[in-house]
Amino acid sequence: MFDIGFTELLLIGVVALLVLGPDRLPGAVRTAGLWIGRIKRSFSAIKAEVEREIGADEIRRQLHNEQILDLEREMKAMKKTLDAPLSSITESKPASDAAPAADSSTAQDKPLQP
């Protein structure tokens, strides 16, 4: 993450020893370690929560997409069931329309009898 080598850590340790002294340095290192541990744990908890939320959002999105697909399938099935009777009606309708037209043409061709 920070690319700190051994020489940099050694330099930080020497400066801390000079500034804090040998009596307070162990307590300061322990306190710094505790704070770093708390920060790492809180970051990992936040990361886990965000990943869980992202996963939950993804699951919600997938469920929503599946519901939409199911509704589309139901609509297609209903359309097929409704189209079948309509197609049979439209197929039989031109034949019935043609028959009266034929009757009317024959009626016009015949003279009226008194």
PDB file of N, CA and C in Angstrom:
ATOM      1  N   MET A   1       0.820  -1.185   0.000  1.00  0.00           N
ATOM      2  CA  MET A   1       0.000   0.000   0.000  1.00  0.00           C
ATOM      3  C   MET A   1       0.868   1.253   0.000  1.00  0.00           C
ATOM      4  N   PHE A   2       1.798   1.369   0.944  1.00  0.00           N
ATOM      5  CA  PHE A   2       2.613   2.576   1.023  1.00  0.00           C
ATOM      6  C   PHE A   2       4.038   2.375   0.527  1.00  0.00           C
ATOM      7  N   ASP A   3       4.451   1.155   0.271  1.00  0.00           N
ATOM      8  CA  ASP A   3       5.801   0.850  -0.201  1.00  0.00           C
ATOM      9  C   ASP A   3       6.874   1.424   0.730  1.00  0.00           C
ATOM     10  N   ILE A   4       6.799   1.006   2.003  1.00  0.00           N
ATOM     11  CA  ILE A   4       7.792   1.429   2.997  1.00  0.00           C
ATOM     12  C   ILE A   4       8.770   0.278   3.183  1.00  0.00           C
ATOM     13  N   GLY A   5      10.039   0.550   2.985  1.00  0.00           N
ATOM     14  CA  GLY A   5      11.066  -0.476   3.112  1.00  0.00           C
ATOM     15  C   GLY A   5      11.602  -0.560   4.539  1.00  0.00           C
ATOM     16  N   PHE A   6      12.561  -1.474   4.730  1.00  0.00           N
ATOM     17  CA  PHE A   6      13.145  -1.686   6.051  1.00  0.00           C
ATOM     18  C   PHE A   6      13.911  -0.459   6.530  1.00  0.00           C
ATOM     19  N   THR A   7      14.616   0.201   5.640  1.00  0.00           N
ATOM     20  CA  THR A   7      15.405   1.375   6.060  1.00  0.00           C
ATOM     21  C   THR A   7      14.499   2.509   6.525  1.00  0.00           C
ATOM     22  N   GLU A   8      13.345   2.689   5.872  1.00  0.00           N
ATOM     23  CA  GLU A   8      12.415   3.730   6.312  1.00  0.00           C
ATOM     24  C   GLU A   8      11.862   3.410   7.695  1.00  0.00           C
ATOM     25  N   LEU A   9      11.498   2.131   7.916  1.00  0.00           N
ATOM     26  CA  LEU A   9      11.007   1.737   9.236  1.00  0.00           C
ATOM     27  C   LEU A   9      12.077   1.923  10.313  1.00  0.00           C
ATOM     28  N   LEU A  10      13.311   1.604  10.002  1.00  0.00           N
ATOM     29  CA  LEU A  10      14.407   1.783  10.945  1.00  0.00           C
ATOM     30  C   LEU A  10      14.593   3.259  11.283  1.00  0.00           C
ATOM     31  N   LEU A  11      14.514   4.109  10.289  1.00  0.00           N
ATOM     32  CA  LEU A  11      14.638   5.554  10.505  1.00  0.00           C
ATOM     33  C   LEU A  11      13.517   6.082  11.390  1.00  0.00           C
ATOM     34  N   ILE A  12      12.279   5.622  11.143  1.00  0.00           N
ATOM     35  CA  ILE A  12      11.134   6.039  11.976  1.00  0.00           C
ATOM     36  C   ILE A  12      11.340   5.571  13.410  1.00  0.00           C
ATOM     37  N   GLY A  13      11.836   4.347  13.597  1.00  0.00           N
ATOM     38  CA  GLY A  13      12.092   3.826  14.941  1.00  0.00           C
ATOM     39  C   GLY A  13      13.151   4.625  15.683  1.00  0.00           C
ATOM     40  N   VAL A  14      14.220   5.004  15.025  1.00  0.00           N
ATOM     41  CA  VAL A  14      15.287   5.794  15.665  1.00  0.00           C
ATOM     42  C   VAL A  14      14.776   7.171  16.048  1.00  0.00           C
ATOM     43  N   VAL A  15      14.005   7.812  15.162  1.00  0.00           N
ATOM     44  CA  VAL A  15      13.456   9.138  15.469  1.00  0.00           C
ATOM     45  C   VAL A  15      12.482   9.042  16.639  1.00  0.00           C
ATOM     46  N   ALA A  16      11.641   8.007  16.652  1.00  0.00           N
ATOM     47  CA  ALA A  16      10.702   7.832  17.764  1.00  0.00           C
ATOM     48  C   ALA A  16      11.445   7.584  19.071  1.00  0.00           C
ATOM     49  N   LEU A  17      12.530   6.814  19.038  1.00  0.00           N
ATOM     50  CA  LEU A  17      13.333   6.568  20.241  1.00  0.00           C
ATOM     51  C   LEU A  17      13.939   7.860  20.752  1.00  0.00           C
ATOM     52  N   LEU A  18      14.434   8.700  19.868  1.00  0.00           N
ATOM     53  CA  LEU A  18      15.032   9.972  20.275  1.00  0.00           C
ATOM     54  C   LEU A  18      13.988  10.948  20.817  1.00  0.00           C
ATOM     55  N   VAL A  19      12.802  10.980  20.194  1.00  0.00           N
ATOM     56  CA  VAL A  19      11.764  11.943  20.609  1.00  0.00           C
ATOM     57  C   VAL A  19      11.087  11.482  21.889  1.00  0.00           C
ATOM     58  N   LEU A  20      10.683  10.228  21.969  1.00  0.00           N
ATOM     59  CA  LEU A  20       9.919   9.746  23.118  1.00  0.00           C
ATOM     60  C   LEU A  20      10.801   9.230  24.250  1.00  0.00           C
ATOM     61  N   GLY A  21      11.910   8.721  23.928  1.00  0.00           N
ATOM     62  CA  GLY A  21      12.787   8.155  24.954  1.00  0.00           C
ATOM     63  C   GLY A  21      12.489   6.691  25.152  1.00  0.00           C
ATOM     64  N   PRO A  22      13.416   5.976  25.796  1.00  0.00           N
ATOM     65  CA  PRO A  22      13.248   4.535  25.973  1.00  0.00           C
ATOM     66  C   PRO A  22      12.137   4.169  26.955  1.00  0.00           C
ATOM     67  N   ASP A  23      11.731   5.083  27.847  1.00  0.00           N
ATOM     68  CA  ASP A  23      10.693   4.745  28.824  1.00  0.00           C
ATOM     69  C   ASP A  23       9.294   4.778  28.205  1.00  0.00           C
ATOM     70  N   ARG A  24       9.005   5.757  27.369  1.00  0.00           N
ATOM     71  CA  ARG A  24       7.656   5.930  26.807  1.00  0.00           C
ATOM     72  C   ARG A  24       7.488   5.253  25.445  1.00  0.00           C
ATOM     73  N   LEU A  25       8.557   4.844  24.813  1.00  0.00           N
ATOM     74  CA  LEU A  25       8.467   4.247  23.471  1.00  0.00           C
ATOM     75  C   LEU A  25       7.641   2.954  23.448  1.00  0.00           C
ATOM     76  N   PRO A  26       7.811   1.986  24.381  1.00  0.00           N
ATOM     77  CA  PRO A  26       6.994   0.759  24.320  1.00  0.00           C
ATOM     78  C   PRO A  26       5.495   1.041  24.460  1.00  0.00           C
ATOM     79  N   GLY A  27       5.111   1.956  25.342  1.00  0.00           N
ATOM     80  CA  GLY A  27       3.690   2.302  25.501  1.00  0.00           C
ATOM     81  C   GLY A  27       3.139   2.981  24.252  1.00  0.00           C
ATOM     82  N   ALA A  28       3.947   3.855  23.641  1.00  0.00           N
ATOM     83  CA  ALA A  28       3.505   4.541  22.432  1.00  0.00           C
ATOM     84  C   ALA A  28       3.344   3.554  21.275  1.00  0.00           C
ATOM     85  N   VAL A  29       4.258   2.598  21.149  1.00  0.00           N
ATOM     86  CA  VAL A  29       4.154   1.590  20.081  1.00  0.00           C
ATOM     87  C   VAL A  29       2.933   0.714  20.297  1.00  0.00           C
ATOM     88  N   ARG A  30       2.673   0.335  21.556  1.00  0.00           N
ATOM     89  CA  ARG A  30       1.502  -0.484  21.880  1.00  0.00           C
ATOM     90  C   ARG A  30       0.220   0.269  21.545  1.00  0.00           C
ATOM     91  N   THR A  31       0.139   1.547  21.929  1.00  0.00           N
ATOM     92  CA  THR A  31      -1.040   2.366  21.637  1.00  0.00           C
ATOM     93  C   THR A  31      -1.226   2.530  20.127  1.00  0.00           C
ATOM     94  N   ALA A  32      -0.143   2.783  19.419  1.00  0.00           N
ATOM     95  CA  ALA A  32      -0.230   2.918  17.959  1.00  0.00           C
ATOM     96  C   ALA A  32      -0.705   1.613  17.329  1.00  0.00           C
ATOM     97  N   GLY A  33      -0.216   0.482  17.835  1.00  0.00           N
ATOM     98  CA  GLY A  33      -0.656  -0.818  17.320  1.00  0.00           C
ATOM     99  C   GLY A  33      -2.136  -1.062  17.553  1.00  0.00           C
ATOM    100  N   LEU A  34      -2.633  -0.667  18.754  1.00  0.00           N
ATOM    101  CA  LEU A  34      -4.061  -0.824  19.046  1.00  0.00           C
ATOM    102  C   LEU A  34      -4.914   0.033  18.102  1.00  0.00           C
ATOM    103  N   TRP A  35      -4.480   1.278  17.890  1.00  0.00           N
ATOM    104  CA  TRP A  35      -5.232   2.174  17.002  1.00  0.00           C
ATOM    105  C   TRP A  35      -5.220   1.650  15.559  1.00  0.00           C
ATOM    106  N   ILE A  36      -4.084   1.173  15.122  1.00  0.00           N
ATOM    107  CA  ILE A  36      -3.999   0.632  13.761  1.00  0.00           C
ATOM    108  C   ILE A  36      -4.894  -0.599  13.619  1.00  0.00           C
ATOM    109  N   GLY A  37      -4.922  -1.452  14.647  1.00  0.00           N
ATOM    110  CA  GLY A  37      -5.790  -2.629  14.637  1.00  0.00           C
ATOM    111  C   GLY A  37      -7.255  -2.253  14.574  1.00  0.00           C
ATOM    112  N   ARG A  38      -7.660  -1.248  15.361  1.00  0.00           N
ATOM    113  CA  ARG A  38      -9.056  -0.788  15.336  1.00  0.00           C
ATOM    114  C   ARG A  38      -9.423  -0.231  13.968  1.00  0.00           C
ATOM    115  N   ILE A  39      -8.520   0.539  13.399  1.00  0.00           N
ATOM    116  CA  ILE A  39      -8.786   1.113  12.072  1.00  0.00           C
ATOM    117  C   ILE A  39      -8.924   0.013  11.031  1.00  0.00           C
ATOM    118  N   LYS A  40      -8.043  -0.991  11.086  1.00  0.00           N
ATOM    119  CA  LYS A  40      -8.121  -2.092  10.131  1.00  0.00           C
ATOM    120  C   LYS A  40      -9.426  -2.864  10.276  1.00  0.00           C
ATOM    121  N   ARG A  41      -9.838  -3.129  11.540  1.00  0.00           N
ATOM    122  CA  ARG A  41     -11.088  -3.852  11.765  1.00  0.00           C
ATOM    123  C   ARG A  41     -12.287  -3.060  11.274  1.00  0.00           C
ATOM    124  N   SER A  42     -12.291  -1.753  11.538  1.00  0.00           N
ATOM    125  CA  SER A  42     -13.443  -0.962  11.093  1.00  0.00           C
ATOM    126  C   SER A  42     -13.476  -0.879   9.567  1.00  0.00           C
ATOM    127  N   PHE A  43     -12.318  -0.761   8.915  1.00  0.00           N
ATOM    128  CA  PHE A  43     -12.299  -0.756   7.449  1.00  0.00           C
ATOM    129  C   PHE A  43     -12.773  -2.091   6.886  1.00  0.00           C
ATOM    130  N   SER A  44     -12.348  -3.186   7.511  1.00  0.00           N
ATOM    131  CA  SER A  44     -12.786  -4.488   7.006  1.00  0.00           C
ATOM    132  C   SER A  44     -14.287  -4.693   7.243  1.00  0.00           C
ATOM    133  N   ALA A  45     -14.814  -4.181   8.365  1.00  0.00           N
ATOM    134  CA  ALA A  45     -16.251  -4.277   8.614  1.00  0.00           C
ATOM    135  C   ALA A  45     -17.034  -3.448   7.595  1.00  0.00           C
ATOM    136  N   ILE A  46     -16.540  -2.247   7.308  1.00  0.00           N
ATOM    137  CA  ILE A  46     -17.204  -1.405   6.307  1.00  0.00           C
ATOM    138  C   ILE A  46     -17.148  -2.062   4.941  1.00  0.00           C
ATOM    139  N   LYS A  47     -16.008  -2.634   4.604  1.00  0.00           N
ATOM    140  CA  LYS A  47     -15.847  -3.302   3.314  1.00  0.00           C
ATOM    141  C   LYS A  47     -16.809  -4.483   3.204  1.00  0.00           C
ATOM    142  N   ALA A  48     -16.916  -5.272   4.263  1.00  0.00           N
ATOM    143  CA  ALA A  48     -17.826  -6.421   4.249  1.00  0.00           C
ATOM    144  C   ALA A  48     -19.277  -5.972   4.109  1.00  0.00           C
ATOM    145  N   GLU A  49     -19.637  -4.887   4.802  1.00  0.00           N
ATOM    146  CA  GLU A  49     -21.004  -4.388   4.716  1.00  0.00           C
ATOM    147  C   GLU A  49     -21.323  -3.875   3.307  1.00  0.00           C
ATOM    148  N   VAL A  50     -20.376  -3.171   2.711  1.00  0.00           N
ATOM    149  CA  VAL A  50     -20.588  -2.671   1.353  1.00  0.00           C
ATOM    150  C   VAL A  50     -20.711  -3.835   0.373  1.00  0.00           C
ATOM    151  N   GLU A  51     -19.865  -4.838   0.509  1.00  0.00           N
ATOM    152  CA  GLU A  51     -19.953  -6.007  -0.368  1.00  0.00           C
ATOM    153  C   GLU A  51     -21.278  -6.741  -0.182  1.00  0.00           C
ATOM    154  N   ARG A  52     -21.740  -6.815   1.060  1.00  0.00           N
ATOM    155  CA  ARG A  52     -23.031  -7.456   1.328  1.00  0.00           C
ATOM    156  C   ARG A  52     -24.160  -6.666   0.687  1.00  0.00           C
ATOM    157  N   GLU A  53     -24.108  -5.333   0.780  1.00  0.00           N
ATOM    158  CA  GLU A  53     -25.133  -4.484   0.165  1.00  0.00           C
ATOM    159  C   GLU A  53     -25.104  -4.608  -1.348  1.00  0.00           C
ATOM    160  N   ILE A  54     -23.906  -4.642  -1.911  1.00  0.00           N
ATOM    161  CA  ILE A  54     -23.787  -4.788  -3.359  1.00  0.00           C
ATOM    162  C   ILE A  54     -24.358  -6.135  -3.787  1.00  0.00           C
ATOM    163  N   GLY A  55     -24.063  -7.160  -3.023  1.00  0.00           N
ATOM    164  CA  GLY A  55     -24.612  -8.484  -3.316  1.00  0.00           C
ATOM    165  C   GLY A  55     -26.122  -8.495  -3.195  1.00  0.00           C
ATOM    166  N   ALA A  56     -26.658  -7.822  -2.176  1.00  0.00           N
ATOM    167  CA  ALA A  56     -28.108  -7.756  -2.001  1.00  0.00           C
ATOM    168  C   ALA A  56     -28.747  -6.988  -3.154  1.00  0.00           C
ATOM    169  N   ASP A  57     -28.117  -5.899  -3.574  1.00  0.00           N
ATOM    170  CA  ASP A  57     -28.646  -5.147  -4.709  1.00  0.00           C
ATOM    171  C   ASP A  57     -28.637  -5.996  -5.978  1.00  0.00           C
ATOM    172  N   GLU A  58     -27.578  -6.759  -6.147  1.00  0.00           N
ATOM    173  CA  GLU A  58     -27.473  -7.617  -7.330  1.00  0.00           C
ATOM    174  C   GLU A  58     -28.558  -8.686  -7.300  1.00  0.00           C
ATOM    175  N   ILE A  59     -28.807  -9.253  -6.120  1.00  0.00           N
ATOM    176  CA  ILE A  59     -29.856 -10.263  -5.985  1.00  0.00           C
ATOM    177  C   ILE A  59     -31.214  -9.647  -6.264  1.00  0.00           C
ATOM    178  N   ARG A  60     -31.458  -8.437  -5.728  1.00  0.00           N
ATOM    179  CA  ARG A  60     -32.729  -7.751  -5.997  1.00  0.00           C
ATOM    180  C   ARG A  60     -32.906  -7.507  -7.487  1.00  0.00           C
ATOM    181  N   ARG A  61     -31.842  -7.081  -8.146  1.00  0.00           N
ATOM    182  CA  ARG A  61     -31.897  -6.813  -9.580  1.00  0.00           C
ATOM    183  C   ARG A  61     -32.212  -8.089 -10.359  1.00  0.00           C
ATOM    184  N   GLN A  62     -31.578  -9.197  -9.972  1.00  0.00           N
ATOM    185  CA  GLN A  62     -31.833 -10.461 -10.655  1.00  0.00           C
ATOM    186  C   GLN A  62     -33.273 -10.921 -10.448  1.00  0.00           C
ATOM    187  N   LEU A  63     -33.781 -10.792  -9.209  1.00  0.00           N
ATOM    188  CA  LEU A  63     -35.164 -11.171  -8.941  1.00  0.00           C
ATOM    189  C   LEU A  63     -36.125 -10.315  -9.745  1.00  0.00           C
ATOM    190  N   HIS A  64     -35.846  -9.020  -9.820  1.00  0.00           N
ATOM    191  CA  HIS A  64     -36.701  -8.115 -10.585  1.00  0.00           C
ATOM    192  C   HIS A  64     -36.707  -8.504 -12.063  1.00  0.00           C
ATOM    193  N   ASN A  65     -35.528  -8.810 -12.600  1.00  0.00           N
ATOM    194  CA  ASN A  65     -35.432  -9.223 -14.006  1.00  0.00           C
ATOM    195  C   ASN A  65     -36.181 -10.531 -14.244  1.00  0.00           C
ATOM    196  N   GLU A  66     -36.080 -11.465 -13.300  1.00  0.00           N
ATOM    197  CA  GLU A  66     -36.793 -12.730 -13.445  1.00  0.00           C
ATOM    198  C   GLU A  66     -38.298 -12.516 -13.393  1.00  0.00           C
ATOM    199  N   GLN A  67     -38.766 -11.616 -12.527  1.00  0.00           N
ATOM    200  CA  GLN A  67     -40.190 -11.319 -12.455  1.00  0.00           C
ATOM    201  C   GLN A  67     -40.675 -10.704 -13.761  1.00  0.00           C
ATOM    202  N   ILE A  68     -39.876  -9.820 -14.340  1.00  0.00           N
ATOM    203  CA  ILE A  68     -40.253  -9.208 -15.611  1.00  0.00           C
ATOM    204  C   ILE A  68     -40.321 -10.264 -16.703  1.00  0.00           C
ATOM    205  N   LEU A  69     -39.340 -11.177 -16.736  1.00  0.00           N
ATOM    206  CA  LEU A  69     -39.363 -12.242 -17.730  1.00  0.00           C
ATOM    207  C   LEU A  69     -40.580 -13.143 -17.553  1.00  0.00           C
ATOM    208  N   ASP A  70     -40.932 -13.457 -16.310  1.00  0.00           N
ATOM    209  CA  ASP A  70     -42.119 -14.274 -16.058  1.00  0.00           C
ATOM    210  C   ASP A  70     -43.382 -13.569 -16.537  1.00  0.00           C
ATOM    211  N   LEU A  71     -43.476 -12.264 -16.287  1.00  0.00           N
ATOM    212  CA  LEU A  71     -44.643 -11.513 -16.752  1.00  0.00           C
ATOM    213  C   LEU A  71     -44.714 -11.487 -18.274  1.00  0.00           C
ATOM    214  N   GLU A  72     -43.572 -11.341 -18.924  1.00  0.00           N
ATOM    215  CA  GLU A  72     -43.560 -11.359 -20.389  1.00  0.00           C
ATOM    216  C   GLU A  72     -43.996 -12.712 -20.921  1.00  0.00           C
ATOM    217  N   ARG A  73     -43.554 -13.789 -20.283  1.00  0.00           N
ATOM    218  CA  ARG A  73     -43.984 -15.132 -20.706  1.00  0.00           C
ATOM    219  C   ARG A  73     -45.487 -15.303 -20.531  1.00  0.00           C
ATOM    220  N   GLU A  74     -46.027 -14.822 -19.415  1.00  0.00           N
ATOM    221  CA  GLU A  74     -47.462 -14.915 -19.187  1.00  0.00           C
ATOM    222  C   GLU A  74     -48.224 -14.112 -20.230  1.00  0.00           C
ATOM    223  N   MET A  75     -47.707 -12.923 -20.564  1.00  0.00           N
ATOM    224  CA  MET A  75     -48.369 -12.106 -21.574  1.00  0.00           C
ATOM    225  C   MET A  75     -48.378 -12.815 -22.927  1.00  0.00           C
ATOM    226  N   LYS A  76     -47.255 -13.426 -23.306  1.00  0.00           N
ATOM    227  CA  LYS A  76     -47.198 -14.137 -24.576  1.00  0.00           C
ATOM    228  C   LYS A  76     -48.167 -15.314 -24.579  1.00  0.00           C
ATOM    229  N   ALA A  77     -48.236 -16.043 -23.464  1.00  0.00           N
ATOM    230  CA  ALA A  77     -49.157 -17.179 -23.375  1.00  0.00           C
ATOM    231  C   ALA A  77     -50.602 -16.703 -23.479  1.00  0.00           C
ATOM    232  N   MET A  78     -50.941 -15.615 -22.803  1.00  0.00           N
ATOM    233  CA  MET A  78     -52.302 -15.072 -22.883  1.00  0.00           C
ATOM    234  C   MET A  78     -52.611 -14.594 -24.290  1.00  0.00           C
ATOM    235  N   LYS A  79     -51.629 -13.968 -24.922  1.00  0.00           N
ATOM    236  CA  LYS A  79     -51.842 -13.492 -26.285  1.00  0.00           C
ATOM    237  C   LYS A  79     -52.108 -14.655 -27.227  1.00  0.00           C
ATOM    238  N   LYS A  80     -51.360 -15.752 -27.043  1.00  0.00           N
ATOM    239  CA  LYS A  80     -51.584 -16.924 -27.887  1.00  0.00           C
ATOM    240  C   LYS A  80     -52.982 -17.495 -27.660  1.00  0.00           C
ATOM    241  N   THR A  81     -53.407 -17.551 -26.390  1.00  0.00           N
ATOM    242  CA  THR A  81     -54.734 -18.104 -26.112  1.00  0.00           C
ATOM    243  C   THR A  81     -55.825 -17.191 -26.648  1.00  0.00           C
ATOM    244  N   LEU A  82     -55.591 -15.896 -26.661  1.00  0.00           N
ATOM    245  CA  LEU A  82     -56.584 -14.975 -27.198  1.00  0.00           C
ATOM    246  C   LEU A  82     -56.531 -14.917 -28.719  1.00  0.00           C
ATOM    247  N   ASP A  83     -55.380 -15.079 -29.306  1.00  0.00           N
ATOM    248  CA  ASP A  83     -55.242 -15.020 -30.754  1.00  0.00           C
ATOM    249  C   ASP A  83     -55.835 -16.246 -31.430  1.00  0.00           C
ATOM    250  N   ALA A  84     -55.805 -17.387 -30.781  1.00  0.00           N
ATOM    251  CA  ALA A  84     -56.325 -18.613 -31.392  1.00  0.00           C
ATOM    252  C   ALA A  84     -57.816 -18.482 -31.705  1.00  0.00           C
ATOM    253  N   PRO A  85     -58.680 -18.080 -30.771  1.00  0.00           N
ATOM    254  CA  PRO A  85     -60.098 -17.915 -31.126  1.00  0.00           C
ATOM    255  C   PRO A  85     -60.309 -16.781 -32.139  1.00  0.00           C
ATOM    256  N   LEU A  86     -59.540 -15.717 -32.038  1.00  0.00           N
ATOM    257  CA  LEU A  86     -59.696 -14.612 -32.975  1.00  0.00           C
ATOM    258  C   LEU A  86     -59.318 -15.033 -34.385  1.00  0.00           C
ATOM    259  N   SER A  87     -58.278 -15.821 -34.523  1.00  0.00           N
ATOM    260  CA  SER A  87     -57.867 -16.252 -35.855  1.00  0.00           C
ATOM    261  C   SER A  87     -58.905 -17.188 -36.455  1.00  0.00           C
ATOM    262  N   SER A  88     -59.523 -18.024 -35.636  1.00  0.00           N
ATOM    263  CA  SER A  88     -60.574 -18.906 -36.162  1.00  0.00           C
ATOM    264  C   SER A  88     -61.798 -18.093 -36.562  1.00  0.00           C
ATOM    265  N   ILE A  89     -62.088 -17.029 -35.852  1.00  0.00           N
ATOM    266  CA  ILE A  89     -63.217 -16.161 -36.202  1.00  0.00           C
ATOM    267  C   ILE A  89     -62.923 -15.412 -37.490  1.00  0.00           C
ATOM    268  N   THR A  90     -61.733 -14.877 -37.621  1.00  0.00           N
ATOM    269  CA  THR A  90     -61.393 -14.115 -38.823  1.00  0.00           C
ATOM    270  C   THR A  90     -61.291 -15.023 -40.037  1.00  0.00           C
ATOM    271  N   GLU A  91     -60.905 -16.291 -39.863  1.00  0.00           N
ATOM    272  CA  GLU A  91     -60.846 -17.212 -40.987  1.00  0.00           C
ATOM    273  C   GLU A  91     -62.244 -17.591 -41.455  1.00  0.00           C
ATOM    274  N   SER A  92     -63.184 -17.761 -40.553  1.00  0.00           N
ATOM    275  CA  SER A  92     -64.545 -18.135 -40.940  1.00  0.00           C
ATOM    276  C   SER A  92     -65.353 -16.922 -41.388  1.00  0.00           C
ATOM    277  N   LYS A  93     -65.008 -15.744 -41.009  1.00  0.00           N
ATOM    278  CA  LYS A  93     -65.754 -14.534 -41.351  1.00  0.00           C
ATOM    279  C   LYS A  93     -65.724 -14.226 -42.847  1.00  0.00           C
ATOM    280  N   PRO A  94     -64.585 -14.282 -43.549  1.00  0.00           N
ATOM    281  CA  PRO A  94     -64.615 -13.995 -44.988  1.00  0.00           C
ATOM    282  C   PRO A  94     -65.491 -14.975 -45.759  1.00  0.00           C
ATOM    283  N   ALA A  95     -65.556 -16.203 -45.351  1.00  0.00           N
ATOM    284  CA  ALA A  95     -66.408 -17.168 -46.045  1.00  0.00           C
ATOM    285  C   ALA A  95     -67.871 -16.792 -45.868  1.00  0.00           C
ATOM    286  N   SER A  96     -68.269 -16.363 -44.693  1.00  0.00           N
ATOM    287  CA  SER A  96     -69.660 -15.973 -44.465  1.00  0.00           C
ATOM    288  C   SER A  96     -69.966 -14.650 -45.146  1.00  0.00           C
ATOM    289  N   ASP A  97     -68.977 -13.758 -45.260  1.00  0.00           N
ATOM    290  CA  ASP A  97     -69.172 -12.498 -45.972  1.00  0.00           C
ATOM    291  C   ASP A  97     -69.321 -12.744 -47.466  1.00  0.00           C
ATOM    292  N   ALA A  98     -68.644 -13.737 -47.997  1.00  0.00           N
ATOM    293  CA  ALA A  98     -68.691 -14.018 -49.429  1.00  0.00           C
ATOM    294  C   ALA A  98     -70.038 -14.613 -49.819  1.00  0.00           C
ATOM    295  N   ALA A  99     -70.634 -15.408 -48.963  1.00  0.00           N
ATOM    296  CA  ALA A  99     -71.903 -16.047 -49.278  1.00  0.00           C
ATOM    297  C   ALA A  99     -73.026 -15.030 -49.454  1.00  0.00           C
ATOM    298  N   PRO A 100     -73.222 -14.051 -48.563  1.00  0.00           N
ATOM    299  CA  PRO A 100     -74.296 -13.084 -48.807  1.00  0.00           C
ATOM    300  C   PRO A 100     -74.040 -12.243 -50.053  1.00  0.00           C
ATOM    301  N   ALA A 101     -72.825 -11.973 -50.363  1.00  0.00           N
ATOM    302  CA  ALA A 101     -72.526 -11.196 -51.562  1.00  0.00           C
ATOM    303  C   ALA A 101     -72.929 -11.983 -52.793  1.00  0.00           C
ATOM    304  N   ALA A 102     -72.725 -13.262 -52.790  1.00  0.00           N
ATOM    305  CA  ALA A 102     -73.116 -14.099 -53.919  1.00  0.00           C
ATOM    306  C   ALA A 102     -74.630 -14.142 -54.033  1.00  0.00           C
ATOM    307  N   ASP A 103     -75.319 -14.222 -52.889  1.00  0.00           N
ATOM    308  CA  ASP A 103     -76.778 -14.249 -52.895  1.00  0.00           C
ATOM    309  C   ASP A 103     -77.332 -12.934 -53.417  1.00  0.00           C
ATOM    310  N   SER A 104     -76.719 -11.808 -53.018  1.00  0.00           N
ATOM    311  CA  SER A 104     -77.223 -10.512 -53.458  1.00  0.00           C
ATOM    312  C   SER A 104     -76.999 -10.323 -54.952  1.00  0.00           C
ATOM    313  N   SER A 105     -75.934 -10.844 -55.507  1.00  0.00           N
ATOM    314  CA  SER A 105     -75.693 -10.700 -56.940  1.00  0.00           C
ATOM    315  C   SER A 105     -76.687 -11.542 -57.723  1.00  0.00           C
ATOM    316  N   THR A 106     -77.047 -12.697 -57.210  1.00  0.00           N
ATOM    317  CA  THR A 106     -78.033 -13.515 -57.906  1.00  0.00           C
ATOM    318  C   THR A 106     -79.411 -12.915 -57.789  1.00  0.00           C
ATOM    319  N   ALA A 107     -79.674 -12.260 -56.706  1.00  0.00           N
ATOM    320  CA  ALA A 107     -80.981 -11.630 -56.520  1.00  0.00           C
ATOM    321  C   ALA A 107     -81.130 -10.447 -57.461  1.00  0.00           C
ATOM    322  N   GLN A 108     -80.065  -9.770 -57.741  1.00  0.00           N
ATOM    323  CA  GLN A 108     -80.137  -8.627 -58.647  1.00  0.00           C
ATOM    324  C   GLN A 108     -80.269  -9.091 -60.105  1.00  0.00           C
ATOM    325  N   ASP A 109     -79.707 -10.223 -60.403  1.00  0.00           N
ATOM    326  CA  ASP A 109     -79.785 -10.733 -61.765  1.00  0.00           C
ATOM    327  C   ASP A 109     -81.198 -11.219 -62.105  1.00  0.00           C
ATOM    328  N   LYS A 110     -81.925 -11.676 -61.130  1.00  0.00           N
ATOM    329  CA  LYS A 110     -83.279 -12.204 -61.394  1.00  0.00           C
ATOM    330  C   LYS A 110     -84.265 -11.038 -61.467  1.00  0.00           C
ATOM    331  N   PRO A 111     -85.163 -11.077 -62.429  1.00  0.00           N
ATOM    332  CA  PRO A 111     -86.212 -10.038 -62.476  1.00  0.00           C
ATOM    333  C   PRO A 111     -87.245 -10.297 -61.385  1.00  0.00           C
ATOM    334  N   LEU A 112     -87.844  -9.232 -60.933  1.00  0.00           N
ATOM    335  CA  LEU A 112     -88.872  -9.338 -59.906  1.00  0.00           C
ATOM    336  C   LEU A 112     -90.175  -9.827 -60.540  1.00  0.00           C
ATOM    337  N   GLN A 113     -90.839 -10.699 -59.897  1.00  0.00           N
ATOM    338  CA  GLN A 113     -92.104 -11.242 -60.408  1.00  0.00           C
ATOM    339  C   GLN A 113     -93.248 -10.573 -59.675  1.00  0.00           C
ATOM    340  N   PRO A 114     -94.299 -10.158 -60.432  1.00  0.00           N
ATOM    341  CA  PRO A 114     -95.444  -9.506 -59.780  1.00  0.00           C
ATOM    342  C   PRO A 114     -96.419 -10.439 -59.163  1.00  0.00           C
TER     343      PRO A 114
END
